[in-house]
PDB file of N, CA and C in Angstrom:
ATOM      1  N   MET A   1      -7.701  -1.053  29.356  1.00  0.00           N
ATOM      2  CA  MET A   1      -6.270  -0.842  28.891  1.00  0.00           C
ATOM      3  C   MET A   1      -6.284   0.795  28.522  1.00  0.00           C
ATOM      4  N   PRO A   2      -5.314   1.390  28.955  1.00  0.00           N
ATOM      5  CA  PRO A   2      -5.414   3.045  28.390  1.00  0.00           C
ATOM      6  C   PRO A   2      -5.429   3.092  27.325  1.00  0.00           C
ATOM      7  N   VAL A   3      -5.723   4.368  26.776  1.00  0.00           N
ATOM      8  CA  VAL A   3      -5.683   4.803  25.443  1.00  0.00           C
ATOM      9  C   VAL A   3      -4.501   5.705  25.286  1.00  0.00           C
ATOM     10  N   LYS A   4      -3.433   5.541  24.432  1.00  0.00           N
ATOM     11  CA  LYS A   4      -2.685   6.464  24.115  1.00  0.00           C
ATOM     12  C   LYS A   4      -2.402   6.923  22.849  1.00  0.00           C
ATOM     13  N   ARG A   5      -2.022   8.343  22.882  1.00  0.00           N
ATOM     14  CA  ARG A   5      -1.819   8.804  21.421  1.00  0.00           C
ATOM     15  C   ARG A   5      -0.488   9.026  20.970  1.00  0.00           C
ATOM     16  N   ARG A   6      -0.332   8.596  19.737  1.00  0.00           N
ATOM     17  CA  ARG A   6       1.190   8.738  19.367  1.00  0.00           C
ATOM     18  C   ARG A   6       1.291   9.785  18.879  1.00  0.00           C
ATOM     19  N   LEU A   7       2.388  10.534  19.232  1.00  0.00           N
ATOM     20  CA  LEU A   7       2.557  12.012  18.849  1.00  0.00           C
ATOM     21  C   LEU A   7       3.490  12.072  17.865  1.00  0.00           C
ATOM     22  N   HIS A   8       4.412  11.327  17.626  1.00  0.00           N
ATOM     23  CA  HIS A   8       5.529  11.424  16.495  1.00  0.00           C
ATOM     24  C   HIS A   8       5.683  10.117  15.742  1.00  0.00           C
ATOM     25  N   ARG A   9       5.295  10.448  14.182  1.00  0.00           N
ATOM     26  CA  ARG A   9       5.631   9.297  13.421  1.00  0.00           C
ATOM     27  C   ARG A   9       7.011   9.494  12.716  1.00  0.00           C
ATOM     28  N   THR A  10       7.610   8.177  12.890  1.00  0.00           N
ATOM     29  CA  THR A  10       9.065   8.110  12.357  1.00  0.00           C
ATOM     30  C   THR A  10       8.875   7.020  11.345  1.00  0.00           C
ATOM     31  N   LEU A  11       9.361   7.198  10.150  1.00  0.00           N
ATOM     32  CA  LEU A  11       9.337   6.535   9.242  1.00  0.00           C
ATOM     33  C   LEU A  11      10.877   6.099   8.723  1.00  0.00           C
ATOM     34  N   PRO A  12      11.008   4.735   8.187  1.00  0.00           N
ATOM     35  CA  PRO A  12      12.472   4.485   8.144  1.00  0.00           C
ATOM     36  C   PRO A  12      13.006   5.180   7.168  1.00  0.00           C
ATOM     37  N   GLU A  13      14.300   5.142   7.014  1.00  0.00           N
ATOM     38  CA  GLU A  13      15.177   6.005   6.234  1.00  0.00           C
ATOM     39  C   GLU A  13      14.738   5.787   4.719  1.00  0.00           C
ATOM     40  N   ASN A  14      14.348   4.567   4.321  1.00  0.00           N
ATOM     41  CA  ASN A  14      14.289   4.345   3.083  1.00  0.00           C
ATOM     42  C   ASN A  14      12.562   4.649   2.398  1.00  0.00           C
ATOM     43  N   ALA A  15      11.872   5.059   3.603  1.00  0.00           N
ATOM     44  CA  ALA A  15      10.396   5.242   2.948  1.00  0.00           C
ATOM     45  C   ALA A  15      10.313   6.283   1.782  1.00  0.00           C
ATOM     46  N   THR A  16      11.017   7.171   1.595  1.00  0.00           N
ATOM     47  CA  THR A  16      10.899   8.304   0.541  1.00  0.00           C
ATOM     48  C   THR A  16      11.118   7.422  -0.642  1.00  0.00           C
ATOM     49  N   GLU A  17      12.097   6.632  -0.665  1.00  0.00           N
ATOM     50  CA  GLU A  17      12.745   5.902  -2.131  1.00  0.00           C
ATOM     51  C   GLU A  17      11.394   4.847  -2.220  1.00  0.00           C
ATOM     52  N   LEU A  18      10.921   4.161  -1.395  1.00  0.00           N
ATOM     53  CA  LEU A  18      10.043   3.134  -1.374  1.00  0.00           C
ATOM     54  C   LEU A  18       8.518   3.831  -2.152  1.00  0.00           C
ATOM     55  N   ALA A  19       8.277   5.034  -1.270  1.00  0.00           N
ATOM     56  CA  ALA A  19       7.165   5.713  -1.906  1.00  0.00           C
ATOM     57  C   ALA A  19       7.487   5.982  -3.294  1.00  0.00           C
ATOM     58  N   ARG A  20       8.507   6.486  -3.694  1.00  0.00           N
ATOM     59  CA  ARG A  20       8.703   6.916  -5.228  1.00  0.00           C
ATOM     60  C   ARG A  20       8.613   5.935  -5.762  1.00  0.00           C
ATOM     61  N   LEU A  21       9.123   4.765  -5.753  1.00  0.00           N
ATOM     62  CA  LEU A  21       9.408   3.512  -6.455  1.00  0.00           C
ATOM     63  C   LEU A  21       7.778   2.990  -6.729  1.00  0.00           C
ATOM     64  N   LEU A  22       6.920   3.002  -5.643  1.00  0.00           N
ATOM     65  CA  LEU A  22       5.522   2.602  -5.620  1.00  0.00           C
ATOM     66  C   LEU A  22       4.731   3.374  -6.405  1.00  0.00           C
ATOM     67  N   PHE A  23       4.834   4.807  -6.236  1.00  0.00           N
ATOM     68  CA  PHE A  23       4.160   5.659  -7.014  1.00  0.00           C
ATOM     69  C   PHE A  23       4.237   5.502  -8.467  1.00  0.00           C
ATOM     70  N   ASN A  24       5.637   5.258  -8.840  1.00  0.00           N
ATOM     71  CA  ASN A  24       6.114   5.354 -10.300  1.00  0.00           C
ATOM     72  C   ASN A  24       5.202   4.117 -10.685  1.00  0.00           C
ATOM     73  N   GLU A  25       5.226   2.930  -9.936  1.00  0.00           N
ATOM     74  CA  GLU A  25       4.592   1.664 -10.252  1.00  0.00           C
ATOM     75  C   GLU A  25       3.127   1.799 -10.435  1.00  0.00           C
ATOM     76  N   TRP A  26       2.441   2.628  -9.624  1.00  0.00           N
ATOM     77  CA  TRP A  26       0.945   2.788  -9.470  1.00  0.00           C
ATOM     78  C   TRP A  26       0.640   3.682 -10.901  1.00  0.00           C
ATOM     79  N   THR A  27       1.193   4.638 -11.199  1.00  0.00           N
ATOM     80  CA  THR A  27       1.103   5.667 -12.608  1.00  0.00           C
ATOM     81  C   THR A  27       1.714   4.997 -13.703  1.00  0.00           C
ATOM     82  N   LYS A  28       2.546   4.229 -13.772  1.00  0.00           N
ATOM     83  CA  LYS A  28       3.300   3.394 -15.060  1.00  0.00           C
ATOM     84  C   LYS A  28       3.650   2.290 -14.709  1.00  0.00           C
ATOM     85  N   PRO A  29       2.435   1.270 -14.711  1.00  0.00           N
ATOM     86  CA  PRO A  29       2.783  -0.152 -14.372  1.00  0.00           C
ATOM     87  C   PRO A  29       3.658  -0.713 -15.364  1.00  0.00           C
ATOM     88  N   LYS A  30       4.317  -1.784 -14.794  1.00  0.00           N
ATOM     89  CA  LYS A  30       5.285  -2.688 -15.664  1.00  0.00           C
ATOM     90  C   LYS A  30       4.504  -3.733 -15.919  1.00  0.00           C
ATOM     91  N   GLU A  31       4.780  -4.601 -16.880  1.00  0.00           N
ATOM     92  CA  GLU A  31       4.131  -5.847 -17.347  1.00  0.00           C
ATOM     93  C   GLU A  31       4.414  -6.681 -16.260  1.00  0.00           C
ATOM     94  N   LYS A  32       5.509  -7.035 -15.494  1.00  0.00           N
ATOM     95  CA  LYS A  32       5.638  -7.957 -14.652  1.00  0.00           C
ATOM     96  C   LYS A  32       6.764  -7.546 -13.893  1.00  0.00           C
ATOM     97  N   GLY A  33       6.748  -8.250 -12.623  1.00  0.00           N
ATOM     98  CA  GLY A  33       7.858  -8.133 -11.431  1.00  0.00           C
ATOM     99  C   GLY A  33       7.028  -7.271 -10.266  1.00  0.00           C
ATOM    100  N   GLN A  34       7.884  -6.866  -9.229  1.00  0.00           N
ATOM    101  CA  GLN A  34       7.281  -6.241  -8.083  1.00  0.00           C
ATOM    102  C   GLN A  34       7.417  -4.847  -8.137  1.00  0.00           C
ATOM    103  N   PRO A  35       6.615  -4.080  -7.517  1.00  0.00           N
ATOM    104  CA  PRO A  35       5.578  -4.301  -6.789  1.00  0.00           C
ATOM    105  C   PRO A  35       4.455  -4.514  -7.589  1.00  0.00           C
ATOM    106  N   VAL A  36       3.371  -5.567  -6.865  1.00  0.00           N
ATOM    107  CA  VAL A  36       2.161  -5.735  -7.539  1.00  0.00           C
ATOM    108  C   VAL A  36       1.107  -5.222  -6.559  1.00  0.00           C
ATOM    109  N   ILE A  37       0.325  -4.349  -7.424  1.00  0.00           N
ATOM    110  CA  ILE A  37      -0.589  -3.419  -6.603  1.00  0.00           C
ATOM    111  C   ILE A  37      -2.144  -4.190  -6.879  1.00  0.00           C
ATOM    112  N   ILE A  38      -2.871  -4.611  -5.709  1.00  0.00           N
ATOM    113  CA  ILE A  38      -4.088  -5.043  -5.935  1.00  0.00           C
ATOM    114  C   ILE A  38      -5.187  -4.522  -5.361  1.00  0.00           C
ATOM    115  N   LEU A  39      -6.206  -4.008  -6.105  1.00  0.00           N
ATOM    116  CA  LEU A  39      -7.343  -3.185  -5.387  1.00  0.00           C
ATOM    117  C   LEU A  39      -8.473  -4.061  -5.454  1.00  0.00           C
ATOM    118  N   GLU A  40      -8.968  -4.325  -4.293  1.00  0.00           N
ATOM    119  CA  GLU A  40     -10.112  -4.936  -4.088  1.00  0.00           C
ATOM    120  C   GLU A  40     -11.401  -4.566  -3.330  1.00  0.00           C
ATOM    121  N   GLY A  41     -12.621  -4.226  -4.097  1.00  0.00           N
ATOM    122  CA  GLY A  41     -13.945  -3.635  -3.959  1.00  0.00           C
ATOM    123  C   GLY A  41     -14.124  -2.901  -5.081  1.00  0.00           C
ATOM    124  N   GLU A  42     -15.716  -2.682  -4.956  1.00  0.00           N
ATOM    125  CA  GLU A  42     -16.037  -1.912  -6.125  1.00  0.00           C
ATOM    126  C   GLU A  42     -16.485  -0.453  -5.722  1.00  0.00           C
ATOM    127  N   LYS A  43     -16.787   0.140  -6.552  1.00  0.00           N
ATOM    128  CA  LYS A  43     -17.097   1.707  -6.557  1.00  0.00           C
ATOM    129  C   LYS A  43     -18.106   1.701  -5.512  1.00  0.00           C
ATOM    130  N   ASN A  44     -17.914   2.745  -4.694  1.00  0.00           N
ATOM    131  CA  ASN A  44     -18.751   3.162  -3.477  1.00  0.00           C
ATOM    132  C   ASN A  44     -18.805   2.049  -2.581  1.00  0.00           C
ATOM    133  N   GLU A  45     -17.845   1.130  -2.475  1.00  0.00           N
ATOM    134  CA  GLU A  45     -17.769   0.158  -1.531  1.00  0.00           C
ATOM    135  C   GLU A  45     -16.308   0.204  -0.802  1.00  0.00           C
ATOM    136  N   PRO A  46     -16.182  -0.157   0.454  1.00  0.00           N
ATOM    137  CA  PRO A  46     -14.736  -0.072   1.086  1.00  0.00           C
ATOM    138  C   PRO A  46     -13.998  -0.907   0.121  1.00  0.00           C
ATOM    139  N   LEU A  47     -12.594  -0.236   0.018  1.00  0.00           N
ATOM    140  CA  LEU A  47     -11.675  -0.549  -0.906  1.00  0.00           C
ATOM    141  C   LEU A  47     -10.595  -1.171   0.073  1.00  0.00           C
ATOM    142  N   HIS A  48      -9.902  -2.422  -0.501  1.00  0.00           N
ATOM    143  CA  HIS A  48      -8.735  -3.075   0.344  1.00  0.00           C
ATOM    144  C   HIS A  48      -7.714  -2.692  -0.777  1.00  0.00           C
ATOM    145  N   ILE A  49      -6.499  -2.481  -0.232  1.00  0.00           N
ATOM    146  CA  ILE A  49      -5.461  -2.063  -0.935  1.00  0.00           C
ATOM    147  C   ILE A  49      -4.142  -3.100  -0.586  1.00  0.00           C
ATOM    148  N   TYR A  50      -3.733  -4.071  -1.313  1.00  0.00           N
ATOM    149  CA  TYR A  50      -2.530  -4.662  -1.270  1.00  0.00           C
ATOM    150  C   TYR A  50      -1.452  -4.766  -2.095  1.00  0.00           C
ATOM    151  N   VAL A  51      -0.407  -4.295  -1.374  1.00  0.00           N
ATOM    152  CA  VAL A  51       0.874  -4.102  -2.483  1.00  0.00           C
ATOM    153  C   VAL A  51       1.875  -5.297  -1.903  1.00  0.00           C
ATOM    154  N   LEU A  52       2.298  -6.410  -3.065  1.00  0.00           N
ATOM    155  CA  LEU A  52       2.718  -7.503  -2.586  1.00  0.00           C
ATOM    156  C   LEU A  52       4.337  -6.977  -3.341  1.00  0.00           C
ATOM    157  N   TRP A  53       5.493  -7.009  -2.487  1.00  0.00           N
ATOM    158  CA  TRP A  53       6.681  -6.380  -2.756  1.00  0.00           C
ATOM    159  C   TRP A  53       7.624  -6.933  -1.630  1.00  0.00           C
ATOM    160  N   ASP A  54       8.495  -7.645  -2.020  1.00  0.00           N
ATOM    161  CA  ASP A  54       9.707  -8.041  -1.046  1.00  0.00           C
ATOM    162  C   ASP A  54      10.635  -6.986  -0.493  1.00  0.00           C
ATOM    163  N   LYS A  55      10.235  -5.801  -1.015  1.00  0.00           N
ATOM    164  CA  LYS A  55      11.188  -4.747  -0.371  1.00  0.00           C
ATOM    165  C   LYS A  55      10.605  -4.277   0.951  1.00  0.00           C
ATOM    166  N   TRP A  56       9.650  -4.803   1.339  1.00  0.00           N
ATOM    167  CA  TRP A  56       8.845  -4.571   2.624  1.00  0.00           C
ATOM    168  C   TRP A  56       9.416  -5.121   3.581  1.00  0.00           C
ATOM    169  N   ARG A  57      10.166  -6.300   3.300  1.00  0.00           N
ATOM    170  CA  ARG A  57      10.738  -7.286   4.386  1.00  0.00           C
ATOM    171  C   ARG A  57      11.090  -6.691   5.671  1.00  0.00           C
ATOM    172  N   ASP A  58      12.065  -5.571   5.446  1.00  0.00           N
ATOM    173  CA  ASP A  58      12.578  -4.979   6.853  1.00  0.00           C
ATOM    174  C   ASP A  58      11.563  -3.883   7.509  1.00  0.00           C
ATOM    175  N   LEU A  59      10.385  -3.707   6.985  1.00  0.00           N
ATOM    176  CA  LEU A  59       9.606  -2.682   7.538  1.00  0.00           C
ATOM    177  C   LEU A  59       8.222  -3.531   8.232  1.00  0.00           C
ATOM    178  N   ASN A  60       7.931  -2.861   9.174  1.00  0.00           N
ATOM    179  CA  ASN A  60       6.721  -3.386  10.115  1.00  0.00           C
ATOM    180  C   ASN A  60       5.435  -2.976   9.309  1.00  0.00           C
ATOM    181  N   GLN A  61       4.340  -3.476  10.036  1.00  0.00           N
ATOM    182  CA  GLN A  61       3.060  -3.332   9.043  1.00  0.00           C
ATOM    183  C   GLN A  61       2.384  -1.933   9.068  1.00  0.00           C
ATOM    184  N   THR A  62       2.898  -1.189  10.350  1.00  0.00           N
ATOM    185  CA  THR A  62       2.437   0.201  10.290  1.00  0.00           C
ATOM    186  C   THR A  62       3.082   0.849   9.039  1.00  0.00           C
ATOM    187  N   GLU A  63       4.563   0.779   9.241  1.00  0.00           N
ATOM    188  CA  GLU A  63       5.333   1.520   8.239  1.00  0.00           C
ATOM    189  C   GLU A  63       4.809   1.343   6.697  1.00  0.00           C
ATOM    190  N   ARG A  64       4.605   0.074   6.647  1.00  0.00           N
ATOM    191  CA  ARG A  64       4.255  -0.073   5.096  1.00  0.00           C
ATOM    192  C   ARG A  64       2.891   0.475   4.614  1.00  0.00           C
ATOM    193  N   SER A  65       1.884   0.321   5.246  1.00  0.00           N
ATOM    194  CA  SER A  65       0.640   0.810   5.411  1.00  0.00           C
ATOM    195  C   SER A  65       0.541   2.555   5.296  1.00  0.00           C
ATOM    196  N   GLU A  66       1.600   3.182   6.081  1.00  0.00           N
ATOM    197  CA  GLU A  66       1.604   4.524   5.829  1.00  0.00           C
ATOM    198  C   GLU A  66       2.259   4.816   4.587  1.00  0.00           C
ATOM    199  N   ILE A  67       3.360   4.183   4.051  1.00  0.00           N
ATOM    200  CA  ILE A  67       4.049   4.488   2.661  1.00  0.00           C
ATOM    201  C   ILE A  67       2.635   4.405   1.696  1.00  0.00           C
ATOM    202  N   ILE A  68       1.903   3.072   1.826  1.00  0.00           N
ATOM    203  CA  ILE A  68       0.752   2.974   0.793  1.00  0.00           C
ATOM    204  C   ILE A  68      -0.050   4.385   0.941  1.00  0.00           C
ATOM    205  N   MET A  69      -0.534   4.505   1.963  1.00  0.00           N
ATOM    206  CA  MET A  69      -1.687   5.610   2.235  1.00  0.00           C
ATOM    207  C   MET A  69      -0.955   6.882   1.782  1.00  0.00           C
ATOM    208  N   ASP A  70       0.224   7.327   1.897  1.00  0.00           N
ATOM    209  CA  ASP A  70       0.924   8.638   1.399  1.00  0.00           C
ATOM    210  C   ASP A  70       1.143   8.500  -0.076  1.00  0.00           C
ATOM    211  N   VAL A  71       1.125   7.367  -0.883  1.00  0.00           N
ATOM    212  CA  VAL A  71       1.196   7.324  -2.223  1.00  0.00           C
ATOM    213  C   VAL A  71      -0.267   7.530  -2.629  1.00  0.00           C
ATOM    214  N   VAL A  72      -1.067   6.845  -2.184  1.00  0.00           N
ATOM    215  CA  VAL A  72      -2.548   7.094  -2.525  1.00  0.00           C
ATOM    216  C   VAL A  72      -2.875   8.500  -2.698  1.00  0.00           C
ATOM    217  N   ASP A  73      -2.658   9.267  -1.472  1.00  0.00           N
ATOM    218  CA  ASP A  73      -2.982  10.816  -1.220  1.00  0.00           C
ATOM    219  C   ASP A  73      -2.329  11.319  -2.234  1.00  0.00           C
ATOM    220  N   ASN A  74      -1.379  11.067  -2.905  1.00  0.00           N
ATOM    221  CA  ASN A  74      -0.503  12.086  -3.910  1.00  0.00           C
ATOM    222  C   ASN A  74      -0.998  11.305  -5.161  1.00  0.00           C
ATOM    223  N   LEU A  75      -1.825  10.544  -5.487  1.00  0.00           N
ATOM    224  CA  LEU A  75      -2.450  10.179  -6.872  1.00  0.00           C
ATOM    225  C   LEU A  75      -3.096  11.207  -7.500  1.00  0.00           C
ATOM    226  N   ALA A  76      -3.173  11.510  -8.966  1.00  0.00           N
ATOM    227  CA  ALA A  76      -3.981  12.635  -9.418  1.00  0.00           C
ATOM    228  C   ALA A  76      -4.598  11.849 -10.661  1.00  0.00           C
ATOM    229  N   GLY A  77      -5.444  12.826 -11.331  1.00  0.00           N
ATOM    230  CA  GLY A  77      -6.161  12.498 -12.413  1.00  0.00           C
ATOM    231  C   GLY A  77      -6.687  10.929 -12.576  1.00  0.00           C
ATOM    232  N   GLU A  78      -6.402  10.277 -13.588  1.00  0.00           N
ATOM    233  CA  GLU A  78      -6.563   8.899 -13.897  1.00  0.00           C
ATOM    234  C   GLU A  78      -6.429   8.093 -13.014  1.00  0.00           C
ATOM    235  N   HIS A  79      -5.411   8.081 -12.221  1.00  0.00           N
ATOM    236  CA  HIS A  79      -4.781   7.441 -11.167  1.00  0.00           C
ATOM    237  C   HIS A  79      -5.373   7.283  -9.737  1.00  0.00           C
ATOM    238  N   ARG A  80      -6.311   8.828  -9.750  1.00  0.00           N
ATOM    239  CA  ARG A  80      -7.011   8.621  -8.268  1.00  0.00           C
ATOM    240  C   ARG A  80      -8.068   7.713  -8.227  1.00  0.00           C
ATOM    241  N   LEU A  81      -8.001   7.357  -6.938  1.00  0.00           N
ATOM    242  CA  LEU A  81      -9.176   6.297  -6.546  1.00  0.00           C
ATOM    243  C   LEU A  81     -10.396   6.744  -6.764  1.00  0.00           C
ATOM    244  N   PRO A  82     -11.620   6.089  -6.820  1.00  0.00           N
ATOM    245  CA  PRO A  82     -12.994   6.532  -7.004  1.00  0.00           C
ATOM    246  C   PRO A  82     -13.149   7.151  -5.577  1.00  0.00           C
ATOM    247  N   ALA A  83     -14.155   8.249  -5.741  1.00  0.00           N
ATOM    248  CA  ALA A  83     -14.520   9.070  -4.836  1.00  0.00           C
ATOM    249  C   ALA A  83     -15.792   8.075  -4.225  1.00  0.00           C
ATOM    250  N   GLY A  84     -15.793   8.025  -2.766  1.00  0.00           N
ATOM    251  CA  GLY A  84     -16.905   7.454  -2.108  1.00  0.00           C
ATOM    252  C   GLY A  84     -16.396   5.836  -1.709  1.00  0.00           C
ATOM    253  N   SER A  85     -15.279   5.664  -2.141  1.00  0.00           N
ATOM    254  CA  SER A  85     -14.639   4.119  -1.938  1.00  0.00           C
ATOM    255  C   SER A  85     -13.867   4.372  -0.633  1.00  0.00           C
ATOM    256  N   PRO A  86     -14.194   4.341   0.539  1.00  0.00           N
ATOM    257  CA  PRO A  86     -13.321   4.384   1.647  1.00  0.00           C
ATOM    258  C   PRO A  86     -12.262   3.329   1.684  1.00  0.00           C
ATOM    259  N   ILE A  87     -11.061   3.624   2.102  1.00  0.00           N
ATOM    260  CA  ILE A  87      -9.774   2.488   2.057  1.00  0.00           C
ATOM    261  C   ILE A  87     -10.135   2.102   3.479  1.00  0.00           C
ATOM    262  N   THR A  88     -10.349   0.662   3.514  1.00  0.00           N
ATOM    263  CA  THR A  88     -10.690   0.102   5.013  1.00  0.00           C
ATOM    264  C   THR A  88      -9.334  -0.553   5.313  1.00  0.00           C
ATOM    265  N   VAL A  89      -8.321  -1.135   4.252  1.00  0.00           N
ATOM    266  CA  VAL A  89      -7.383  -1.926   4.307  1.00  0.00           C
ATOM    267  C   VAL A  89      -6.183  -1.263   3.356  1.00  0.00           C
ATOM    268  N   ALA A  90      -5.065  -1.173   3.903  1.00  0.00           N
ATOM    269  CA  ALA A  90      -3.728  -0.769   3.211  1.00  0.00           C
ATOM    270  C   ALA A  90      -2.506  -1.599   3.712  1.00  0.00           C
ATOM    271  N   MET A  91      -2.327  -2.760   3.140  1.00  0.00           N
ATOM    272  CA  MET A  91      -1.576  -3.711   3.364  1.00  0.00           C
ATOM    273  C   MET A  91      -0.397  -3.869   2.730  1.00  0.00           C
ATOM    274  N   GLY A  92       0.795  -3.605   2.878  1.00  0.00           N
ATOM    275  CA  GLY A  92       1.916  -4.068   2.186  1.00  0.00           C
ATOM    276  C   GLY A  92       2.400  -5.438   2.823  1.00  0.00           C
ATOM    277  N   LEU A  93       2.569  -6.519   1.688  1.00  0.00           N
ATOM    278  CA  LEU A  93       2.998  -7.916   1.966  1.00  0.00           C
ATOM    279  C   LEU A  93       4.175  -8.233   1.093  1.00  0.00           C
ATOM    280  N   THR A  94       5.008  -9.040   1.773  1.00  0.00           N
ATOM    281  CA  THR A  94       6.070  -9.838   0.785  1.00  0.00           C
ATOM    282  C   THR A  94       5.161 -10.969   0.230  1.00  0.00           C
ATOM    283  N   ALA A  95       6.072 -11.539  -0.791  1.00  0.00           N
ATOM    284  CA  ALA A  95       5.128 -12.449  -1.323  1.00  0.00           C
ATOM    285  C   ALA A  95       5.005 -13.750  -0.652  1.00  0.00           C
ATOM    286  N   GLU A  96       5.935 -14.216   0.055  1.00  0.00           N
ATOM    287  CA  GLU A  96       5.659 -15.141   1.188  1.00  0.00           C
ATOM    288  C   GLU A  96       4.615 -14.840   2.164  1.00  0.00           C
ATOM    289  N   GLU A  97       4.304 -13.592   2.669  1.00  0.00           N
ATOM    290  CA  GLU A  97       3.304 -13.146   3.554  1.00  0.00           C
ATOM    291  C   GLU A  97       2.100 -13.401   2.720  1.00  0.00           C
ATOM    292  N   ALA A  98       1.929 -12.994   1.307  1.00  0.00           N
ATOM    293  CA  ALA A  98       0.607 -12.957   0.768  1.00  0.00           C
ATOM    294  C   ALA A  98       0.355 -14.356   0.645  1.00  0.00           C
ATOM    295  N   LYS A  99       1.478 -15.239  -0.002  1.00  0.00           N
ATOM    296  CA  LYS A  99       0.863 -16.594  -0.140  1.00  0.00           C
ATOM    297  C   LYS A  99       0.332 -17.251   1.144  1.00  0.00           C
ATOM    298  N   ARG A 100       0.787 -16.934   2.300  1.00  0.00           N
ATOM    299  CA  ARG A 100       0.457 -17.497   3.737  1.00  0.00           C
ATOM    300  C   ARG A 100      -1.091 -17.088   3.930  1.00  0.00           C
ATOM    301  N   MET A 101      -1.247 -15.846   3.525  1.00  0.00           N
ATOM    302  CA  MET A 101      -2.673 -15.370   3.567  1.00  0.00           C
ATOM    303  C   MET A 101      -3.642 -15.640   2.481  1.00  0.00           C
ATOM    304  N   GLY A 102      -3.171 -16.325   1.653  1.00  0.00           N
ATOM    305  CA  GLY A 102      -4.013 -16.528   0.359  1.00  0.00           C
ATOM    306  C   GLY A 102      -4.256 -15.543  -0.487  1.00  0.00           C
ATOM    307  N   ILE A 103      -3.344 -14.593  -0.699  1.00  0.00           N
ATOM    308  CA  ILE A 103      -3.645 -13.523  -1.804  1.00  0.00           C
ATOM    309  C   ILE A 103      -2.995 -13.641  -2.714  1.00  0.00           C
ATOM    310  N   ARG A 104      -3.610 -13.620  -3.851  1.00  0.00           N
ATOM    311  CA  ARG A 104      -2.873 -14.046  -5.306  1.00  0.00           C
ATOM    312  C   ARG A 104      -2.569 -12.693  -6.108  1.00  0.00           C
ATOM    313  N   SER A 105      -1.399 -12.750  -6.846  1.00  0.00           N
ATOM    314  CA  SER A 105      -1.444 -11.433  -7.738  1.00  0.00           C
ATOM    315  C   SER A 105      -1.943 -11.823  -9.209  1.00  0.00           C
ATOM    316  N   THR A 106      -2.394 -12.998  -9.097  1.00  0.00           N
ATOM    317  CA  THR A 106      -3.208 -13.314 -10.623  1.00  0.00           C
ATOM    318  C   THR A 106      -4.684 -13.660 -10.401  1.00  0.00           C
TER     319      THR A 106
END
């Protein structure tokens, strides 16, 4: 199978708004509701990030992951993820998708 390089990344129109809302939740979490951010992994171990959010519904998995990683790249101070913990999974899931995969928010 040939290897192809993707030259241009096109995000959906609402990507900036979704990133803003996710960033706000990450830095000032609400008591309940969505999005739900799940960090799985210990310090100096690979980190898995799951964001459960029904607003992902119209985005494909690549778009969801790129938005999550853009937000992670912009975290600062106390919200920054631990150094030495490479992110190996950044997955955005709707509540139904998370349920089918056995990923729970509690």
